[in-house]
């Protein structure tokens, strides 16, 4: 059973009602989607990266040793990609916190 568009939007915005009201019709610029193929962008890539990582961690006993060093290198590559994305997410988090503080200070200033 699929979600209605309204149910999807509510789930997507996670109860951030004020932000959803102000921004739900706003679209991201194309530069956020990168130059990858038409429907595979960095958002889908991050979701896939998380899914693959959890599959690997939860099923280590199922991975054959026949791949040897190459399998270990693939796991390290996956870990490096996660770390790179974690740094990017951390930077976004810091920017968002700084902007939230700046926005709140501006909102509380008396209007002259």
PDB file of N, CA and C in Angstrom:
ATOM      1  N   UNK A   1       0.845  -1.171   0.000  1.00  0.00           N
ATOM      2  CA  UNK A   1       0.000   0.000   0.000  1.00  0.00           C
ATOM      3  C   UNK A   1       0.895   1.241   0.000  1.00  0.00           C
ATOM      4  N   UNK A   2       0.670   2.122  -0.944  1.00  0.00           N
ATOM      5  CA  UNK A   2       1.492   3.331  -1.018  1.00  0.00           C
ATOM      6  C   UNK A   2       0.829   4.487  -0.271  1.00  0.00           C
ATOM      7  N   UNK A   3       1.651   5.449   0.073  1.00  0.00           N
ATOM      8  CA  UNK A   3       1.166   6.622   0.794  1.00  0.00           C
ATOM      9  C   UNK A   3       0.564   7.629  -0.176  1.00  0.00           C
ATOM     10  N   UNK A   4      -0.372   8.381   0.317  1.00  0.00           N
ATOM     11  CA  UNK A   4      -0.887   9.492  -0.470  1.00  0.00           C
ATOM     12  C   UNK A   4       0.186  10.571  -0.503  1.00  0.00           C
ATOM     13  N   UNK A   5       0.149  11.460  -1.486  1.00  0.00           N
ATOM     14  CA  UNK A   5       1.126  12.553  -1.509  1.00  0.00           C
ATOM     15  C   UNK A   5       1.129  13.371  -0.215  1.00  0.00           C
ATOM     16  N   UNK A   6      -0.030  13.597   0.342  1.00  0.00           N
ATOM     17  CA  UNK A   6      -0.123  14.360   1.596  1.00  0.00           C
ATOM     18  C   UNK A   6       0.537  13.603   2.750  1.00  0.00           C
ATOM     19  N   UNK A   7       0.302  12.299   2.835  1.00  0.00           N
ATOM     20  CA  UNK A   7       0.916  11.489   3.888  1.00  0.00           C
ATOM     21  C   UNK A   7       2.433  11.466   3.731  1.00  0.00           C
ATOM     22  N   UNK A   8       2.904  11.365   2.487  1.00  0.00           N
ATOM     23  CA  UNK A   8       4.347  11.387   2.231  1.00  0.00           C
ATOM     24  C   UNK A   8       4.948  12.718   2.690  1.00  0.00           C
ATOM     25  N   UNK A   9       4.319  13.837   2.336  1.00  0.00           N
ATOM     26  CA  UNK A   9       4.831  15.149   2.735  1.00  0.00           C
ATOM     27  C   UNK A   9       4.881  15.282   4.254  1.00  0.00           C
ATOM     28  N   UNK A  10       3.850  14.811   4.943  1.00  0.00           N
ATOM     29  CA  UNK A  10       3.841  14.877   6.414  1.00  0.00           C
ATOM     30  C   UNK A  10       4.962  14.040   7.006  1.00  0.00           C
ATOM     31  N   UNK A  11       5.188  12.866   6.456  1.00  0.00           N
ATOM     32  CA  UNK A  11       6.272  12.011   6.944  1.00  0.00           C
ATOM     33  C   UNK A  11       7.628  12.646   6.640  1.00  0.00           C
ATOM     34  N   UNK A  12       7.761  13.183   5.437  1.00  0.00           N
ATOM     35  CA  UNK A  12       9.007  13.822   5.015  1.00  0.00           C
ATOM     36  C   UNK A  12       9.379  14.977   5.948  1.00  0.00           C
ATOM     37  N   UNK A  13       8.425  15.811   6.317  1.00  0.00           N
ATOM     38  CA  UNK A  13       8.701  16.995   7.130  1.00  0.00           C
ATOM     39  C   UNK A  13       8.777  16.703   8.627  1.00  0.00           C
ATOM     40  N   UNK A  14       8.506  15.463   9.062  1.00  0.00           N
ATOM     41  CA  UNK A  14       8.754  15.001  10.434  1.00  0.00           C
ATOM     42  C   UNK A  14       8.123  15.865  11.528  1.00  0.00           C
ATOM     43  N   UNK A  15       6.979  16.428  11.286  1.00  0.00           N
ATOM     44  CA  UNK A  15       6.340  17.256  12.303  1.00  0.00           C
ATOM     45  C   UNK A  15       6.920  18.652  12.423  1.00  0.00           C
ATOM     46  N   UNK A  16       7.744  19.063  11.462  1.00  0.00           N
ATOM     47  CA  UNK A  16       8.312  20.414  11.460  1.00  0.00           C
ATOM     48  C   UNK A  16       7.295  21.336  10.784  1.00  0.00           C
ATOM     49  N   UNK A  17       6.196  21.537  11.461  1.00  0.00           N
ATOM     50  CA  UNK A  17       5.022  22.178  10.863  1.00  0.00           C
ATOM     51  C   UNK A  17       5.260  23.599  10.358  1.00  0.00           C
ATOM     52  N   UNK A  18       5.969  24.417  11.122  1.00  0.00           N
ATOM     53  CA  UNK A  18       6.224  25.790  10.685  1.00  0.00           C
ATOM     54  C   UNK A  18       7.104  25.819   9.445  1.00  0.00           C
ATOM     55  N   UNK A  19       8.146  24.991   9.448  1.00  0.00           N
ATOM     56  CA  UNK A  19       9.039  24.932   8.286  1.00  0.00           C
ATOM     57  C   UNK A  19       8.297  24.362   7.071  1.00  0.00           C
ATOM     58  N   UNK A  20       7.485  23.346   7.299  1.00  0.00           N
ATOM     59  CA  UNK A  20       6.717  22.764   6.199  1.00  0.00           C
ATOM     60  C   UNK A  20       5.771  23.798   5.598  1.00  0.00           C
ATOM     61  N   UNK A  21       5.099  24.535   6.451  1.00  0.00           N
ATOM     62  CA  UNK A  21       4.169  25.553   5.966  1.00  0.00           C
ATOM     63  C   UNK A  21       4.881  26.611   5.133  1.00  0.00           C
ATOM     64  N   UNK A  22       6.062  27.012   5.579  1.00  0.00           N
ATOM     65  CA  UNK A  22       6.801  28.068   4.888  1.00  0.00           C
ATOM     66  C   UNK A  22       7.516  27.585   3.634  1.00  0.00           C
ATOM     67  N   UNK A  23       7.943  26.330   3.620  1.00  0.00           N
ATOM     68  CA  UNK A  23       8.881  25.900   2.578  1.00  0.00           C
ATOM     69  C   UNK A  23       8.465  24.696   1.741  1.00  0.00           C
ATOM     70  N   UNK A  24       7.335  24.092   2.009  1.00  0.00           N
ATOM     71  CA  UNK A  24       7.007  22.834   1.332  1.00  0.00           C
ATOM     72  C   UNK A  24       6.879  22.961  -0.184  1.00  0.00           C
ATOM     73  N   UNK A  25       6.610  24.153  -0.683  1.00  0.00           N
ATOM     74  CA  UNK A  25       6.505  24.334  -2.138  1.00  0.00           C
ATOM     75  C   UNK A  25       7.837  24.758  -2.771  1.00  0.00           C
ATOM     76  N   UNK A  26       8.859  24.926  -1.944  1.00  0.00           N
ATOM     77  CA  UNK A  26      10.169  25.337  -2.424  1.00  0.00           C
ATOM     78  C   UNK A  26      10.936  24.115  -2.917  1.00  0.00           C
ATOM     79  N   UNK A  27      11.571  24.248  -4.050  1.00  0.00           N
ATOM     80  CA  UNK A  27      12.351  23.148  -4.612  1.00  0.00           C
ATOM     81  C   UNK A  27      13.843  23.477  -4.533  1.00  0.00           C
ATOM     82  N   UNK A  28      14.651  22.461  -4.366  1.00  0.00           N
ATOM     83  CA  UNK A  28      16.101  22.638  -4.360  1.00  0.00           C
ATOM     84  C   UNK A  28      16.596  22.922  -5.761  1.00  0.00           C
ATOM     85  N   UNK A  29      17.686  23.680  -5.847  1.00  0.00           N
ATOM     86  CA  UNK A  29      18.314  23.944  -7.130  1.00  0.00           C
ATOM     87  C   UNK A  29      18.927  22.677  -7.702  1.00  0.00           C
ATOM     88  N   UNK A  30      19.073  22.654  -9.008  1.00  0.00           N
ATOM     89  CA  UNK A  30      19.615  21.482  -9.692  1.00  0.00           C
ATOM     90  C   UNK A  30      21.011  21.106  -9.206  1.00  0.00           C
ATOM     91  N   UNK A  31      21.792  22.085  -8.732  1.00  0.00           N
ATOM     92  CA  UNK A  31      23.158  21.784  -8.298  1.00  0.00           C
ATOM     93  C   UNK A  31      23.200  20.794  -7.134  1.00  0.00           C
ATOM     94  N   UNK A  32      22.110  20.640  -6.396  1.00  0.00           N
ATOM     95  CA  UNK A  32      22.075  19.681  -5.294  1.00  0.00           C
ATOM     96  C   UNK A  32      21.924  18.250  -5.786  1.00  0.00           C
ATOM     97  N   UNK A  33      21.528  18.097  -7.020  1.00  0.00           N
ATOM     98  CA  UNK A  33      21.288  16.758  -7.554  1.00  0.00           C
ATOM     99  C   UNK A  33      22.476  16.211  -8.319  1.00  0.00           C
ATOM    100  N   UNK A  34      23.473  17.002  -8.558  1.00  0.00           N
ATOM    101  CA  UNK A  34      24.692  16.533  -9.206  1.00  0.00           C
ATOM    102  C   UNK A  34      24.505  16.228 -10.674  1.00  0.00           C
ATOM    103  N   UNK A  35      25.526  15.620 -11.226  1.00  0.00           N
ATOM    104  CA  UNK A  35      25.534  15.328 -12.653  1.00  0.00           C
ATOM    105  C   UNK A  35      25.277  13.862 -12.937  1.00  0.00           C
ATOM    106  N   UNK A  36      24.785  13.157 -11.971  1.00  0.00           N
ATOM    107  CA  UNK A  36      24.561  11.732 -12.156  1.00  0.00           C
ATOM    108  C   UNK A  36      23.362  11.490 -13.068  1.00  0.00           C
ATOM    109  N   UNK A  37      23.065  10.237 -13.291  1.00  0.00           N
ATOM    110  CA  UNK A  37      21.985   9.891 -14.209  1.00  0.00           C
ATOM    111  C   UNK A  37      20.662  10.528 -13.790  1.00  0.00           C
ATOM    112  N   UNK A  38      19.729  10.498 -14.665  1.00  0.00           N
ATOM    113  CA  UNK A  38      18.484  11.258 -14.529  1.00  0.00           C
ATOM    114  C   UNK A  38      17.782  11.084 -13.184  1.00  0.00           C
ATOM    115  N   UNK A  39      17.667   9.887 -12.685  1.00  0.00           N
ATOM    116  CA  UNK A  39      16.902   9.700 -11.456  1.00  0.00           C
ATOM    117  C   UNK A  39      17.744   9.244 -10.272  1.00  0.00           C
ATOM    118  N   UNK A  40      19.035   9.133 -10.411  1.00  0.00           N
ATOM    119  CA  UNK A  40      19.867   8.691  -9.299  1.00  0.00           C
ATOM    120  C   UNK A  40      20.702   9.870  -8.844  1.00  0.00           C
ATOM    121  N   UNK A  41      20.336  10.441  -7.717  1.00  0.00           N
ATOM    122  CA  UNK A  41      21.027  11.629  -7.242  1.00  0.00           C
ATOM    123  C   UNK A  41      21.654  11.380  -5.873  1.00  0.00           C
ATOM    124  N   UNK A  42      22.229  12.429  -5.301  1.00  0.00           N
ATOM    125  CA  UNK A  42      22.945  12.240  -4.041  1.00  0.00           C
ATOM    126  C   UNK A  42      22.029  11.843  -2.892  1.00  0.00           C
ATOM    127  N   UNK A  43      20.759  12.180  -2.969  1.00  0.00           N
ATOM    128  CA  UNK A  43      19.828  11.796  -1.903  1.00  0.00           C
ATOM    129  C   UNK A  43      19.567  10.294  -1.948  1.00  0.00           C
ATOM    130  N   UNK A  44      19.336   9.787  -3.145  1.00  0.00           N
ATOM    131  CA  UNK A  44      19.144   8.346  -3.298  1.00  0.00           C
ATOM    132  C   UNK A  44      20.435   7.603  -2.994  1.00  0.00           C
ATOM    133  N   UNK A  45      21.553   8.165  -3.398  1.00  0.00           N
ATOM    134  CA  UNK A  45      22.849   7.549  -3.153  1.00  0.00           C
ATOM    135  C   UNK A  45      23.102   7.405  -1.654  1.00  0.00           C
ATOM    136  N   UNK A  46      22.781   8.425  -0.881  1.00  0.00           N
ATOM    137  CA  UNK A  46      22.983   8.372   0.568  1.00  0.00           C
ATOM    138  C   UNK A  46      22.100   7.295   1.193  1.00  0.00           C
ATOM    139  N   UNK A  47      20.874   7.199   0.743  1.00  0.00           N
ATOM    140  CA  UNK A  47      19.970   6.165   1.230  1.00  0.00           C
ATOM    141  C   UNK A  47      20.509   4.774   0.903  1.00  0.00           C
ATOM    142  N   UNK A  48      20.992   4.593  -0.328  1.00  0.00           N
ATOM    143  CA  UNK A  48      21.556   3.305  -0.723  1.00  0.00           C
ATOM    144  C   UNK A  48      22.806   2.982   0.078  1.00  0.00           C
ATOM    145  N   UNK A  49      23.638   3.976   0.313  1.00  0.00           N
ATOM    146  CA  UNK A  49      24.863   3.790   1.083  1.00  0.00           C
ATOM    147  C   UNK A  49      24.544   3.301   2.495  1.00  0.00           C
ATOM    148  N   UNK A  50      23.565   3.909   3.121  1.00  0.00           N
ATOM    149  CA  UNK A  50      23.157   3.493   4.458  1.00  0.00           C
ATOM    150  C   UNK A  50      22.603   2.070   4.431  1.00  0.00           C
ATOM    151  N   UNK A  51      21.765   1.778   3.447  1.00  0.00           N
ATOM    152  CA  UNK A  51      21.182   0.441   3.355  1.00  0.00           C
ATOM    153  C   UNK A  51      22.258  -0.624   3.147  1.00  0.00           C
ATOM    154  N   UNK A  52      23.175  -0.395   2.213  1.00  0.00           N
ATOM    155  CA  UNK A  52      24.239  -1.363   1.943  1.00  0.00           C
ATOM    156  C   UNK A  52      25.109  -1.565   3.184  1.00  0.00           C
ATOM    157  N   UNK A  53      25.441  -0.483   3.860  1.00  0.00           N
ATOM    158  CA  UNK A  53      26.281  -0.572   5.054  1.00  0.00           C
ATOM    159  C   UNK A  53      25.617  -1.415   6.136  1.00  0.00           C
ATOM    160  N   UNK A  54      24.342  -1.200   6.351  1.00  0.00           N
ATOM    161  CA  UNK A  54      23.631  -1.979   7.369  1.00  0.00           C
ATOM    162  C   UNK A  54      23.494  -3.440   6.958  1.00  0.00           C
ATOM    163  N   UNK A  55      23.277  -3.692   5.658  1.00  0.00           N
ATOM    164  CA  UNK A  55      23.220  -5.076   5.173  1.00  0.00           C
ATOM    165  C   UNK A  55      24.547  -5.772   5.440  1.00  0.00           C
ATOM    166  N   UNK A  56      25.647  -5.098   5.135  1.00  0.00           N
ATOM    167  CA  UNK A  56      26.969  -5.684   5.370  1.00  0.00           C
ATOM    168  C   UNK A  56      27.155  -5.985   6.857  1.00  0.00           C
ATOM    169  N   UNK A  57      26.893  -4.998   7.706  1.00  0.00           N
ATOM    170  CA  UNK A  57      27.129  -5.179   9.138  1.00  0.00           C
ATOM    171  C   UNK A  57      26.252  -6.268   9.746  1.00  0.00           C
ATOM    172  N   UNK A  58      25.036  -6.396   9.259  1.00  0.00           N
ATOM    173  CA  UNK A  58      24.126  -7.385   9.828  1.00  0.00           C
ATOM    174  C   UNK A  58      24.304  -8.783   9.242  1.00  0.00           C
ATOM    175  N   UNK A  59      25.138  -8.903   8.217  1.00  0.00           N
ATOM    176  CA  UNK A  59      25.291 -10.190   7.545  1.00  0.00           C
ATOM    177  C   UNK A  59      26.754 -10.552   7.292  1.00  0.00           C
ATOM    178  N   UNK A  60      27.633 -10.151   8.175  1.00  0.00           N
ATOM    179  CA  UNK A  60      29.055 -10.435   7.996  1.00  0.00           C
ATOM    180  C   UNK A  60      29.349 -11.922   7.831  1.00  0.00           C
ATOM    181  N   UNK A  61      28.612 -12.759   8.529  1.00  0.00           N
ATOM    182  CA  UNK A  61      28.849 -14.200   8.449  1.00  0.00           C
ATOM    183  C   UNK A  61      28.493 -14.785   7.088  1.00  0.00           C
ATOM    184  N   UNK A  62      27.711 -14.049   6.304  1.00  0.00           N
ATOM    185  CA  UNK A  62      27.299 -14.531   4.988  1.00  0.00           C
ATOM    186  C   UNK A  62      28.298 -14.169   3.895  1.00  0.00           C
ATOM    187  N   UNK A  63      29.262 -13.317   4.206  1.00  0.00           N
ATOM    188  CA  UNK A  63      30.224 -12.858   3.196  1.00  0.00           C
ATOM    189  C   UNK A  63      31.334 -13.895   3.067  1.00  0.00           C
ATOM    190  N   UNK A  64      31.499 -14.394   1.863  1.00  0.00           N
ATOM    191  CA  UNK A  64      32.507 -15.414   1.585  1.00  0.00           C
ATOM    192  C   UNK A  64      33.912 -14.825   1.716  1.00  0.00           C
ATOM    193  N   UNK A  65      34.828 -15.656   2.197  1.00  0.00           N
ATOM    194  CA  UNK A  65      36.220 -15.242   2.300  1.00  0.00           C
ATOM    195  C   UNK A  65      36.953 -15.374   0.967  1.00  0.00           C
ATOM    196  N   UNK A  66      36.256 -15.875  -0.038  1.00  0.00           N
ATOM    197  CA  UNK A  66      36.918 -16.095  -1.331  1.00  0.00           C
ATOM    198  C   UNK A  66      37.360 -14.787  -1.988  1.00  0.00           C
ATOM    199  N   UNK A  67      36.714 -13.681  -1.634  1.00  0.00           N
ATOM    200  CA  UNK A  67      37.106 -12.388  -2.193  1.00  0.00           C
ATOM    201  C   UNK A  67      38.373 -11.838  -1.572  1.00  0.00           C
ATOM    202  N   UNK A  68      38.729 -12.373  -0.415  1.00  0.00           N
ATOM    203  CA  UNK A  68      39.960 -11.994   0.266  1.00  0.00           C
ATOM    204  C   UNK A  68      40.128 -10.508   0.475  1.00  0.00           C
ATOM    205  N   UNK A  69      41.311 -10.030   0.127  1.00  0.00           N
ATOM    206  CA  UNK A  69      41.685  -8.639   0.342  1.00  0.00           C
ATOM    207  C   UNK A  69      40.738  -7.685  -0.394  1.00  0.00           C
ATOM    208  N   UNK A  70      40.242  -8.082  -1.561  1.00  0.00           N
ATOM    209  CA  UNK A  70      39.343  -7.213  -2.313  1.00  0.00           C
ATOM    210  C   UNK A  70      38.056  -6.926  -1.546  1.00  0.00           C
ATOM    211  N   UNK A  71      37.534  -7.931  -0.852  1.00  0.00           N
ATOM    212  CA  UNK A  71      36.322  -7.724  -0.053  1.00  0.00           C
ATOM    213  C   UNK A  71      36.606  -6.764   1.092  1.00  0.00           C
ATOM    214  N   UNK A  72      37.736  -6.922   1.747  1.00  0.00           N
ATOM    215  CA  UNK A  72      38.118  -6.013   2.831  1.00  0.00           C
ATOM    216  C   UNK A  72      38.281  -4.590   2.303  1.00  0.00           C
ATOM    217  N   UNK A  73      38.875  -4.449   1.125  1.00  0.00           N
ATOM    218  CA  UNK A  73      39.037  -3.121   0.525  1.00  0.00           C
ATOM    219  C   UNK A  73      37.687  -2.502   0.194  1.00  0.00           C
ATOM    220  N   UNK A  74      36.742  -3.313  -0.278  1.00  0.00           N
ATOM    221  CA  UNK A  74      35.405  -2.800  -0.563  1.00  0.00           C
ATOM    222  C   UNK A  74      34.732  -2.303   0.713  1.00  0.00           C
ATOM    223  N   UNK A  75      34.894  -3.054   1.803  1.00  0.00           N
ATOM    224  CA  UNK A  75      34.310  -2.635   3.082  1.00  0.00           C
ATOM    225  C   UNK A  75      34.955  -1.330   3.558  1.00  0.00           C
ATOM    226  N   UNK A  76      36.265  -1.209   3.392  1.00  0.00           N
ATOM    227  CA  UNK A  76      36.956   0.019   3.767  1.00  0.00           C
ATOM    228  C   UNK A  76      36.515   1.187   2.893  1.00  0.00           C
ATOM    229  N   UNK A  77      36.309   0.928   1.617  1.00  0.00           N
ATOM    230  CA  UNK A  77      35.826   1.956   0.704  1.00  0.00           C
ATOM    231  C   UNK A  77      34.438   2.437   1.117  1.00  0.00           C
ATOM    232  N   UNK A  78      33.600   1.476   1.487  1.00  0.00           N
ATOM    233  CA  UNK A  78      32.254   1.805   1.963  1.00  0.00           C
ATOM    234  C   UNK A  78      32.334   2.652   3.232  1.00  0.00           C
ATOM    235  N   UNK A  79      33.219   2.277   4.139  1.00  0.00           N
ATOM    236  CA  UNK A  79      33.407   3.033   5.380  1.00  0.00           C
ATOM    237  C   UNK A  79      33.904   4.445   5.084  1.00  0.00           C
ATOM    238  N   UNK A  80      34.827   4.580   4.134  1.00  0.00           N
ATOM    239  CA  UNK A  80      35.340   5.903   3.761  1.00  0.00           C
ATOM    240  C   UNK A  80      34.234   6.779   3.182  1.00  0.00           C
ATOM    241  N   UNK A  81      33.388   6.177   2.359  1.00  0.00           N
ATOM    242  CA  UNK A  81      32.291   6.948   1.769  1.00  0.00           C
ATOM    243  C   UNK A  81      31.301   7.397   2.840  1.00  0.00           C
ATOM    244  N   UNK A  82      31.035   6.531   3.803  1.00  0.00           N
ATOM    245  CA  UNK A  82      30.155   6.911   4.915  1.00  0.00           C
ATOM    246  C   UNK A  82      30.781   8.053   5.709  1.00  0.00           C
ATOM    247  N   UNK A  83      32.068   7.948   5.967  1.00  0.00           N
ATOM    248  CA  UNK A  83      32.756   8.997   6.736  1.00  0.00           C
ATOM    249  C   UNK A  83      32.707  10.326   5.995  1.00  0.00           C
ATOM    250  N   UNK A  84      32.937  10.308   4.692  1.00  0.00           N
ATOM    251  CA  UNK A  84      32.865  11.528   3.888  1.00  0.00           C
ATOM    252  C   UNK A  84      31.469  12.150   3.996  1.00  0.00           C
ATOM    253  N   UNK A  85      30.439  11.328   3.864  1.00  0.00           N
ATOM    254  CA  UNK A  85      29.072  11.834   3.962  1.00  0.00           C
ATOM    255  C   UNK A  85      28.759  12.329   5.367  1.00  0.00           C
ATOM    256  N   UNK A  86      29.310  11.660   6.377  1.00  0.00           N
ATOM    257  CA  UNK A  86      29.100  12.099   7.761  1.00  0.00           C
ATOM    258  C   UNK A  86      29.682  13.489   7.986  1.00  0.00           C
ATOM    259  N   UNK A  87      30.851  13.748   7.415  1.00  0.00           N
ATOM    260  CA  UNK A  87      31.464  15.072   7.524  1.00  0.00           C
ATOM    261  C   UNK A  87      30.583  16.113   6.837  1.00  0.00           C
ATOM    262  N   UNK A  88      30.088  15.775   5.651  1.00  0.00           N
ATOM    263  CA  UNK A  88      29.205  16.699   4.934  1.00  0.00           C
ATOM    264  C   UNK A  88      27.940  16.988   5.741  1.00  0.00           C
ATOM    265  N   UNK A  89      27.353  15.949   6.329  1.00  0.00           N
ATOM    266  CA  UNK A  89      26.151  16.123   7.145  1.00  0.00           C
ATOM    267  C   UNK A  89      26.447  16.933   8.402  1.00  0.00           C
ATOM    268  N   UNK A  90      27.613  16.725   8.994  1.00  0.00           N
ATOM    269  CA  UNK A  90      28.002  17.488  10.178  1.00  0.00           C
ATOM    270  C   UNK A  90      28.130  18.974   9.845  1.00  0.00           C
ATOM    271  N   UNK A  91      28.713  19.269   8.684  1.00  0.00           N
ATOM    272  CA  UNK A  91      28.834  20.666   8.263  1.00  0.00           C
ATOM    273  C   UNK A  91      27.461  21.293   8.028  1.00  0.00           C
ATOM    274  N   UNK A  92      26.561  20.553   7.437  1.00  0.00           N
ATOM    275  CA  UNK A  92      25.197  21.061   7.229  1.00  0.00           C
ATOM    276  C   UNK A  92      24.526  21.297   8.575  1.00  0.00           C
ATOM    277  N   UNK A  93      24.726  20.373   9.517  1.00  0.00           N
ATOM    278  CA  UNK A  93      24.146  20.510  10.844  1.00  0.00           C
ATOM    279  C   UNK A  93      24.643  21.776  11.538  1.00  0.00           C
ATOM    280  N   UNK A  94      25.947  22.012  11.473  1.00  0.00           N
ATOM    281  CA  UNK A  94      26.516  23.214  12.094  1.00  0.00           C
ATOM    282  C   UNK A  94      25.958  24.483  11.454  1.00  0.00           C
ATOM    283  N   UNK A  95      25.895  24.496  10.141  1.00  0.00           N
ATOM    284  CA  UNK A  95      25.346  25.661   9.439  1.00  0.00           C
ATOM    285  C   UNK A  95      23.903  25.900   9.846  1.00  0.00           C
ATOM    286  N   UNK A  96      23.119  24.823   9.915  1.00  0.00           N
ATOM    287  CA  UNK A  96      21.709  24.953  10.276  1.00  0.00           C
ATOM    288  C   UNK A  96      21.549  25.484  11.697  1.00  0.00           C
ATOM    289  N   UNK A  97      22.354  24.976  12.632  1.00  0.00           N
ATOM    290  CA  UNK A  97      22.286  25.474  14.012  1.00  0.00           C
ATOM    291  C   UNK A  97      22.665  26.947  14.078  1.00  0.00           C
ATOM    292  N   UNK A  98      23.715  27.337  13.357  1.00  0.00           N
ATOM    293  CA  UNK A  98      24.124  28.746  13.333  1.00  0.00           C
ATOM    294  C   UNK A  98      23.028  29.626  12.739  1.00  0.00           C
ATOM    295  N   UNK A  99      22.427  29.169  11.660  1.00  0.00           N
ATOM    296  CA  UNK A  99      21.363  29.942  11.017  1.00  0.00           C
ATOM    297  C   UNK A  99      20.119  30.004  11.899  1.00  0.00           C
ATOM    298  N   UNK A 100      19.835  28.936  12.635  1.00  0.00           N
ATOM    299  CA  UNK A 100      18.684  28.945  13.545  1.00  0.00           C
ATOM    300  C   UNK A 100      18.877  29.998  14.630  1.00  0.00           C
ATOM    301  N   UNK A 101      20.098  30.067  15.151  1.00  0.00           N
ATOM    302  CA  UNK A 101      20.398  31.065  16.183  1.00  0.00           C
ATOM    303  C   UNK A 101      20.299  32.484  15.610  1.00  0.00           C
ATOM    304  N   UNK A 102      20.889  32.689  14.427  1.00  0.00           N
ATOM    305  CA  UNK A 102      20.836  34.002  13.781  1.00  0.00           C
ATOM    306  C   UNK A 102      19.392  34.386  13.472  1.00  0.00           C
ATOM    307  N   UNK A 103      18.616  33.433  12.979  1.00  0.00           N
ATOM    308  CA  UNK A 103      17.219  33.695  12.638  1.00  0.00           C
ATOM    309  C   UNK A 103      16.428  34.061  13.889  1.00  0.00           C
ATOM    310  N   UNK A 104      16.632  33.312  14.972  1.00  0.00           N
ATOM    311  CA  UNK A 104      15.911  33.574  16.220  1.00  0.00           C
ATOM    312  C   UNK A 104      16.253  34.957  16.771  1.00  0.00           C
ATOM    313  N   UNK A 105      17.530  35.352  16.693  1.00  0.00           N
ATOM    314  CA  UNK A 105      17.926  36.678  17.172  1.00  0.00           C
ATOM    315  C   UNK A 105      17.258  37.765  16.336  1.00  0.00           C
ATOM    316  N   UNK A 106      17.204  37.553  15.029  1.00  0.00           N
ATOM    317  CA  UNK A 106      16.545  38.535  14.150  1.00  0.00           C
ATOM    318  C   UNK A 106      15.059  38.614  14.433  1.00  0.00           C
ATOM    319  N   UNK A 107      14.451  37.483  14.687  1.00  0.00           N
ATOM    320  CA  UNK A 107      13.007  37.441  14.945  1.00  0.00           C
ATOM    321  C   UNK A 107      12.647  38.118  16.256  1.00  0.00           C
ATOM    322  N   UNK A 108      13.571  38.099  17.217  1.00  0.00           N
ATOM    323  CA  UNK A 108      13.287  38.678  18.530  1.00  0.00           C
ATOM    324  C   UNK A 108      13.620  40.163  18.619  1.00  0.00           C
ATOM    325  N   UNK A 109      14.315  40.699  17.596  1.00  0.00           N
ATOM    326  CA  UNK A 109      14.639  42.134  17.604  1.00  0.00           C
ATOM    327  C   UNK A 109      13.366  42.958  17.492  1.00  0.00           C
ATOM    328  N   UNK A 110      13.304  44.011  18.295  1.00  0.00           N
ATOM    329  CA  UNK A 110      12.120  44.879  18.165  1.00  0.00           C
ATOM    330  C   UNK A 110      12.140  45.608  16.815  1.00  0.00           C
ATOM    331  N   UNK A 111      10.975  45.730  16.233  1.00  0.00           N
ATOM    332  CA  UNK A 111      10.845  46.457  14.969  1.00  0.00           C
ATOM    333  C   UNK A 111      10.803  47.935  15.275  1.00  0.00           C
ATOM    334  N   UNK A 112      11.674  48.722  14.589  1.00  0.00           N
ATOM    335  CA  UNK A 112      11.700  50.154  14.865  1.00  0.00           C
ATOM    336  C   UNK A 112      10.787  50.906  13.943  1.00  0.00           C
TER     337      UNK A 112
END
